[in-house]
Structure formats: structure tokens, C-alpha cells
Amino acid sequence: MSVSIAAIIVTYNRLELLKETLSSIQSQSLPLTEIVVINNSSTDGTLEWLNTQKNITVITQRNVGGAGGFATGIDYAYSHGHDWIWCMDDDVVPMHDCLENLIKLQSDILIRTPLRHEVGSSTEPQDTIEFNFSNPFKSLWQRMFSSKEITNRSYIEAEGITFEGPLIHRKVVETIGLPDTGFFIFADDSDYFIRAKKHGFVSIIVFSAKMERKIHYSLDRPTSWKLYYGLRNMILLDMRYGNLAVKFFRPTLYFLKMFFTARSNSERLLIFKGYWHGIFQKTGKL
């Protein structure tokens, strides 16, 4: 019996990167049933270029962030009857056999993501093996994935994975629904896969499935407006999933650390808004 697989790519103003992503998707050793690009109202010629391409479904919508883009894409793929939904941003390039290696894994696990890397480096420390929602004085990210996790096993379980390549079965969507669009950017994927775990689904990183990340992962301080989303959405996770001590203490610790290292009064105002909106779980675009 054939399996129906849709690729969902969310893009915003990164046309040259999008071209690389689409080229790699179109040349997969296991052909896709449908390729869907969610265009969040790009202004760099993305839509005009997409309109010249064949065999690509294009959905253009207002800029609702990555969270809104993946919600739209997953909803489309699910409602059109696809068995598996392969999600990614426009800055990743799956290797030729990436999808094939995700699919052929002999397992009943319904959430599978590739091993990501950058050019000239090993692995991306972005997937969370274990979250901490019990100790308010330690990091949310209790254990992050690193190259030392790669062993002779086929995969490793992870509690939190990013929307950079996960292959999700429709049964997951049927059970837990769509990503929360209120996150806009950041942590929408963490929230989604935490919800999946709470409903009994396991997420894994498949070592034989490789994906290259084109934009260098940086720990540098984000731009001012991203501080708001980063703080607010971390607090949202704590308020939704943390124990009483985490809900009471950790958001304030986040706030104080960021507030007293802010570079301007405008940054402090954004940080205060992020804290306040996180505590009272006000979601959506700033």
C-alpha cells in the first residue's frame, strides 16, 4: 500500500534559501506526494518566483509567524488526507536520502526528525532530550542533544524537537490538533511536541537521516523585538507545564536577568511586556 507524504515549507523573505530547500525536496530518493509552500506574505519576490514553478502548492497568507505557517501547512496536509507530514523552515536542506531514511525506520514511532548539522561542523545542539519543569532554579533545557549522543543505536528519544525536519504522522494531528499560532515565533514547536508526549507519542532523532542547516546557529544576543517573544514564550511553557514552584519563581528569574542586562529603555519595555504577557498567557503577535 502506498504512503502519502506531504512536505510543508514555511517561508518569509528568504527566496535564495527557499530555492535550495525546494531543490533538495524535489530530488529526494523517495518522491513526495505533494510539496506545499506556506508563504507568509514575503516581499522579496518569493511569490512571483513560486508562481513560475510547477508541481508546488502555494498558500500565501498574512505574516502569522512560523507558528501560524506550520499550523496552516499541517492543517492543509491533514485535511487533504496525507499519511505523513514533513515540516521544515526555508533554511534547511535535507540530504538526498533523508526522507527515505526517516520512513524506512522499522518502528511504530510517529514523530521522527533528522540529525541536523551545519557545513563544516557536526551536530546542532537545538533538540531537547529532556525538559526541566520541576526545578525553578535550573534551566528549562535540562539536557540538550549533542554529538556525544550518537551511538550505534538507530535513534534517540527527544522531548522537544524543532520544526526543522520532523516527519509527523496524521494520527498525531488527529489526537493533539495543530500548533498554537499564538506563539508567533519561538517555542511553538516545543509546545507542540510536549503536548504530543503528554498524549503518549514518542519523538525521535534518526541518525541516518541527515539535514543541513544553512543559517549558522548563534548564541549571540537576539534583536530587541525577538527578546519579547523569547521571554514571553519561555514563560508560557513554564506556566503551562511547570509545577507550582516553577510557575512562581522561574519567570521572575528570567525577567530580572534580561531586564538588568538590557541595552536601552526600549528593550526594557519589551522585556517587561514579554514578562507580563507570559504570566497572563497573552499570546499573538506583538
Protein backbone atom coordinates (compact mmCIF):
# COMPACT_ATOMS: atom_id res chain seq x y z
CA MET A 1 0.00 0.00 0.00
CA SER A 2 1.42 3.39 -0.99
CA VAL A 3 2.04 6.05 1.62
CA SER A 4 1.05 9.65 1.01
CA ILE A 5 3.64 12.20 2.19
CA ALA A 6 3.38 15.99 2.02
CA ALA A 7 6.30 18.35 2.59
CA ILE A 8 5.42 21.64 4.28
CA ILE A 9 7.90 24.52 3.92
CA VAL A 10 7.22 27.82 5.70
CA THR A 11 8.94 30.84 4.18
CA TYR A 12 9.30 34.55 4.74
CA ASN A 13 11.66 36.78 2.74
CA ARG A 14 14.42 34.22 2.17
CA LEU A 15 13.98 33.42 -1.50
CA GLU A 16 17.51 32.21 -2.23
CA LEU A 17 17.45 29.85 0.73
CA LEU A 18 13.97 28.67 -0.22
CA LYS A 19 15.25 27.73 -3.68
CA GLU A 20 17.88 25.44 -2.09
CA THR A 21 15.31 23.86 0.21
CA LEU A 22 12.89 23.18 -2.63
CA SER A 23 15.60 21.77 -4.87
CA SER A 24 16.60 19.28 -2.19
CA ILE A 25 12.98 18.34 -1.55
CA GLN A 26 12.32 17.75 -5.25
CA SER A 27 15.37 15.48 -5.59
CA GLN A 28 14.64 13.16 -2.65
CA SER A 29 15.27 9.46 -3.29
CA LEU A 30 11.74 8.82 -2.02
CA PRO A 31 9.39 11.06 -4.02
CA LEU A 32 6.87 13.18 -2.21
CA THR A 33 3.16 13.10 -2.92
CA GLU A 34 2.80 16.87 -2.60
CA ILE A 35 5.04 19.85 -1.86
CA VAL A 36 3.35 22.76 -0.10
CA VAL A 37 4.94 26.17 0.47
CA ILE A 38 3.36 28.44 3.05
CA ASN A 39 4.32 31.99 2.09
CA ASN A 40 3.87 34.42 4.98
CA SER A 41 3.43 37.44 2.68
CA SER A 42 7.07 37.68 1.59
CA THR A 43 8.06 40.94 -0.07
CA ASP A 44 11.30 39.83 -1.76
CA GLY A 45 9.86 38.30 -4.94
CA THR A 46 9.14 34.92 -3.38
CA LEU A 47 5.54 34.72 -4.60
CA GLU A 48 6.45 35.81 -8.13
CA TRP A 49 9.12 33.12 -8.30
CA LEU A 50 6.85 30.44 -6.83
CA ASN A 51 4.23 31.24 -9.46
CA THR A 52 6.73 30.17 -12.15
CA GLN A 53 7.31 26.75 -10.56
CA LYS A 54 5.48 23.54 -11.40
CA ASN A 55 4.07 20.86 -9.09
CA ILE A 56 4.18 23.04 -5.99
CA THR A 57 1.12 24.03 -3.96
CA VAL A 58 1.47 27.61 -2.76
CA ILE A 59 -0.56 29.11 0.08
CA THR A 60 0.02 32.81 0.68
CA GLN A 61 -1.27 34.32 3.90
CA ARG A 62 -0.53 37.31 6.10
CA ASN A 63 2.59 37.09 8.20
CA VAL A 64 1.49 34.99 11.16
CA GLY A 65 4.99 33.83 12.03
CA GLY A 66 6.42 30.36 11.91
CA ALA A 67 3.75 29.08 14.30
CA GLY A 68 0.93 30.28 12.05
CA GLY A 69 2.72 28.98 8.98
CA PHE A 70 3.09 25.47 10.33
CA ALA A 71 -0.47 25.46 11.64
CA THR A 72 -1.73 26.31 8.15
CA GLY A 73 0.52 23.75 6.46
CA ILE A 74 -0.23 20.89 8.83
CA ASP A 75 -3.94 21.63 8.63
CA TYR A 76 -3.78 21.57 4.82
CA ALA A 77 -1.86 18.30 4.68
CA TYR A 78 -4.10 16.62 7.23
CA SER A 79 -7.35 17.77 5.58
CA HIS A 80 -6.07 16.56 2.20
CA GLY A 81 -5.57 13.05 3.53
CA HIS A 82 -1.78 12.74 3.67
CA ASP A 83 -0.44 10.00 5.93
CA TRP A 84 2.80 11.74 6.85
CA ILE A 85 3.59 15.47 7.08
CA TRP A 86 7.22 16.58 6.68
CA CYS A 87 7.72 20.07 8.16
CA MET A 88 10.61 22.47 7.72
CA ASP A 89 11.68 26.09 7.55
CA ASP A 90 13.18 27.62 4.43
CA ASP A 91 16.76 27.49 5.73
CA VAL A 92 17.37 23.73 5.84
CA VAL A 93 18.48 21.30 3.14
CA PRO A 94 17.71 17.59 3.61
CA MET A 95 20.23 15.19 2.13
CA HIS A 96 19.17 13.10 -0.88
CA ASP A 97 18.08 10.08 1.21
CA CYS A 98 16.81 11.98 4.26
CA LEU A 99 13.11 11.26 3.80
CA GLU A 100 13.74 7.67 2.76
CA ASN A 101 15.71 7.02 5.95
CA LEU A 102 13.01 8.61 8.09
CA ILE A 103 10.29 6.48 6.52
CA LYS A 104 12.07 3.14 6.33
CA LEU A 105 12.96 3.02 10.02
CA GLN A 106 11.33 -0.13 11.36
CA SER A 107 9.34 1.40 14.17
CA ASP A 108 5.83 2.39 15.13
CA ILE A 109 7.07 5.78 16.37
CA LEU A 110 5.01 8.50 14.71
CA ILE A 111 7.28 11.57 15.13
CA ARG A 112 10.73 11.35 13.54
CA THR A 113 13.22 14.12 12.87
CA PRO A 114 16.58 14.19 11.06
CA LEU A 115 20.01 14.76 12.52
CA ARG A 116 20.84 18.39 11.66
CA HIS A 117 24.26 19.85 11.06
CA GLU A 118 25.97 22.90 9.63
CA VAL A 119 28.57 23.00 6.87
CA GLY A 120 31.91 22.01 8.37
CA SER A 121 30.51 21.03 11.74
CA SER A 122 28.91 18.02 13.38
CA THR A 123 25.51 18.36 15.01
CA GLU A 124 23.16 21.12 16.02
CA PRO A 125 22.56 21.44 19.78
CA GLN A 126 18.96 22.50 19.30
CA ASP A 127 16.85 19.47 20.12
CA THR A 128 15.93 18.89 23.73
CA ILE A 129 16.39 15.42 25.13
CA GLU A 130 14.77 16.40 28.42
CA PHE A 131 12.96 19.49 29.70
CA ASN A 132 13.01 20.68 33.30
CA PHE A 133 9.60 21.69 34.60
CA SER A 134 10.27 20.79 38.23
CA ASN A 135 13.31 22.77 39.46
CA PRO A 136 12.77 26.54 39.19
CA PHE A 137 16.44 27.35 39.77
CA LYS A 138 17.77 25.34 36.85
CA SER A 139 17.41 25.80 33.12
CA LEU A 140 14.30 24.83 31.19
CA TRP A 141 16.60 22.80 28.93
CA GLN A 142 17.80 20.10 31.29
CA ARG A 143 19.55 18.03 28.63
CA MET A 144 20.28 19.12 25.07
CA PHE A 145 21.27 16.91 22.17
CA SER A 146 24.95 16.87 21.22
CA SER A 147 27.25 14.70 19.12
CA LYS A 148 28.09 12.53 22.14
CA GLU A 149 24.52 11.20 21.99
CA ILE A 150 25.26 9.44 18.68
CA THR A 151 25.94 5.78 19.32
CA ASN A 152 25.40 2.53 17.44
CA ARG A 153 21.67 2.90 18.02
CA SER A 154 19.41 3.99 15.16
CA TYR A 155 17.86 6.89 17.05
CA ILE A 156 17.46 8.66 20.36
CA GLU A 157 14.27 9.87 22.00
CA ALA A 158 13.81 13.62 22.47
CA GLU A 159 11.14 15.54 24.36
CA GLY A 160 11.50 18.72 22.33
CA ILE A 161 12.35 18.98 18.64
CA THR A 162 12.21 21.93 16.29
CA PHE A 163 10.16 22.43 13.14
CA GLU A 164 13.30 21.82 11.11
CA GLY A 165 12.52 18.50 9.52
CA PRO A 166 10.14 16.49 11.73
CA LEU A 167 8.06 13.85 9.97
CA ILE A 168 4.69 13.68 11.71
CA HIS A 169 2.02 11.04 11.20
CA ARG A 170 -1.56 12.19 10.74
CA LYS A 171 -2.57 10.25 13.89
CA VAL A 172 -0.62 12.82 15.91
CA VAL A 173 -2.57 15.69 14.34
CA GLU A 174 -5.81 13.80 14.80
CA THR A 175 -5.05 13.49 18.51
CA ILE A 176 -3.47 16.81 19.52
CA GLY A 177 -4.53 19.19 16.77
CA LEU A 178 -2.40 21.98 15.30
CA PRO A 179 0.49 24.09 16.60
CA ASP A 180 -0.57 27.03 18.76
CA THR A 181 -0.46 30.06 16.46
CA GLY A 182 -0.32 32.37 19.47
CA PHE A 183 3.40 31.72 19.93
CA PHE A 184 4.07 33.52 16.61
CA ILE A 185 7.78 32.60 16.67
CA PHE A 186 9.89 30.57 19.11
CA ALA A 187 8.77 27.64 21.29
CA ASP A 188 5.70 26.76 19.20
CA ASP A 189 7.49 23.54 18.27
CA SER A 190 8.47 22.82 21.89
CA ASP A 191 4.87 23.28 22.94
CA TYR A 192 3.62 21.03 20.14
CA PHE A 193 5.88 18.11 20.94
CA ILE A 194 5.39 18.47 24.70
CA ARG A 195 1.68 18.13 24.00
CA ALA A 196 2.40 15.09 21.84
CA LYS A 197 4.35 13.42 24.64
CA LYS A 198 1.56 14.09 27.12
CA HIS A 199 -0.75 12.18 24.77
CA GLY A 200 1.61 9.20 24.62
CA PHE A 201 3.55 9.93 21.42
CA VAL A 202 7.31 9.48 21.29
CA SER A 203 9.60 11.78 19.27
CA ILE A 204 12.97 10.58 17.99
CA ILE A 205 16.07 11.88 16.20
CA VAL A 206 17.00 9.43 13.43
CA PHE A 207 20.78 9.32 12.97
CA SER A 208 20.77 8.03 9.38
CA ALA A 209 18.53 10.88 8.18
CA LYS A 210 20.70 13.97 7.65
CA MET A 211 19.77 17.60 7.16
CA GLU A 212 21.97 20.66 6.66
CA ARG A 213 21.13 23.98 8.29
CA LYS A 214 22.11 26.92 6.10
CA ILE A 215 21.97 29.71 8.69
CA HIS A 216 24.57 29.44 11.40
CA TYR A 217 23.13 28.75 14.83
CA SER A 218 24.20 31.63 17.04
CA LEU A 219 24.11 32.22 20.78
CA ASP A 220 24.56 35.96 20.23
CA ARG A 221 22.02 38.29 21.77
CA PRO A 222 18.91 38.45 19.57
CA THR A 223 17.48 41.64 18.14
CA SER A 224 15.27 43.63 20.50
CA TRP A 225 11.87 42.50 19.22
CA LYS A 226 12.93 38.86 19.44
CA LEU A 227 13.67 39.33 23.15
CA TYR A 228 9.96 39.84 23.69
CA TYR A 229 8.96 36.56 22.02
CA GLY A 230 11.81 34.62 23.58
CA LEU A 231 10.93 35.69 27.11
CA ARG A 232 7.16 35.55 26.74
CA ASN A 233 7.17 32.11 25.16
CA MET A 234 9.56 30.55 27.69
CA ILE A 235 7.24 31.83 30.40
CA LEU A 236 4.24 30.41 28.52
CA LEU A 237 5.87 26.98 28.62
CA ASP A 238 6.56 27.29 32.34
CA MET A 239 3.02 28.44 33.09
CA ARG A 240 1.52 25.59 31.05
CA TYR A 241 3.73 22.70 32.09
CA GLY A 242 5.74 23.69 35.17
CA ASN A 243 4.99 22.71 38.73
CA LEU A 244 3.90 25.36 41.23
CA ALA A 245 7.47 26.32 42.16
CA VAL A 246 8.47 26.75 38.52
CA LYS A 247 5.42 28.91 37.79
CA PHE A 248 6.09 31.07 40.83
CA PHE A 249 9.86 31.60 40.62
CA ARG A 250 11.37 30.96 37.21
CA PRO A 251 9.53 33.59 35.11
CA THR A 252 10.72 36.25 37.56
CA LEU A 253 14.29 34.97 37.36
CA TYR A 254 14.13 35.16 33.55
CA PHE A 255 12.77 38.69 33.76
CA LEU A 256 15.35 40.00 36.21
CA LYS A 257 18.28 38.58 34.28
CA MET A 258 17.09 40.07 30.99
CA PHE A 259 15.90 43.37 32.44
CA PHE A 260 19.21 44.24 34.13
CA THR A 261 21.24 43.33 31.03
CA ALA A 262 19.02 45.32 28.65
CA ARG A 263 20.82 47.84 26.46
CA SER A 264 18.13 50.52 26.35
CA ASN A 265 14.85 51.63 27.86
CA SER A 266 13.01 50.42 24.76
CA GLU A 267 14.46 46.94 25.33
CA ARG A 268 13.41 47.08 28.98
CA LEU A 269 9.88 47.94 27.92
CA LEU A 270 9.77 44.95 25.55
CA ILE A 271 11.14 42.67 28.26
CA PHE A 272 8.53 43.93 30.73
CA LYS A 273 5.78 43.31 28.16
CA GLY A 274 7.14 39.83 27.47
CA TYR A 275 7.13 39.02 31.18
CA TRP A 276 3.65 40.41 31.77
CA HIS A 277 2.12 38.76 28.70
CA GLY A 278 3.76 35.43 29.56
CA ILE A 279 2.47 35.43 33.14
CA PHE A 280 -1.06 36.19 31.98
CA GLN A 281 -0.67 33.95 28.90
CA LYS A 282 -1.42 36.65 26.37
CA THR A 283 -0.42 35.19 23.02
CA GLY A 284 -0.27 36.52 19.48
CA LYS A 285 1.86 38.98 17.55
CA LEU A 286 3.45 41.89 19.39
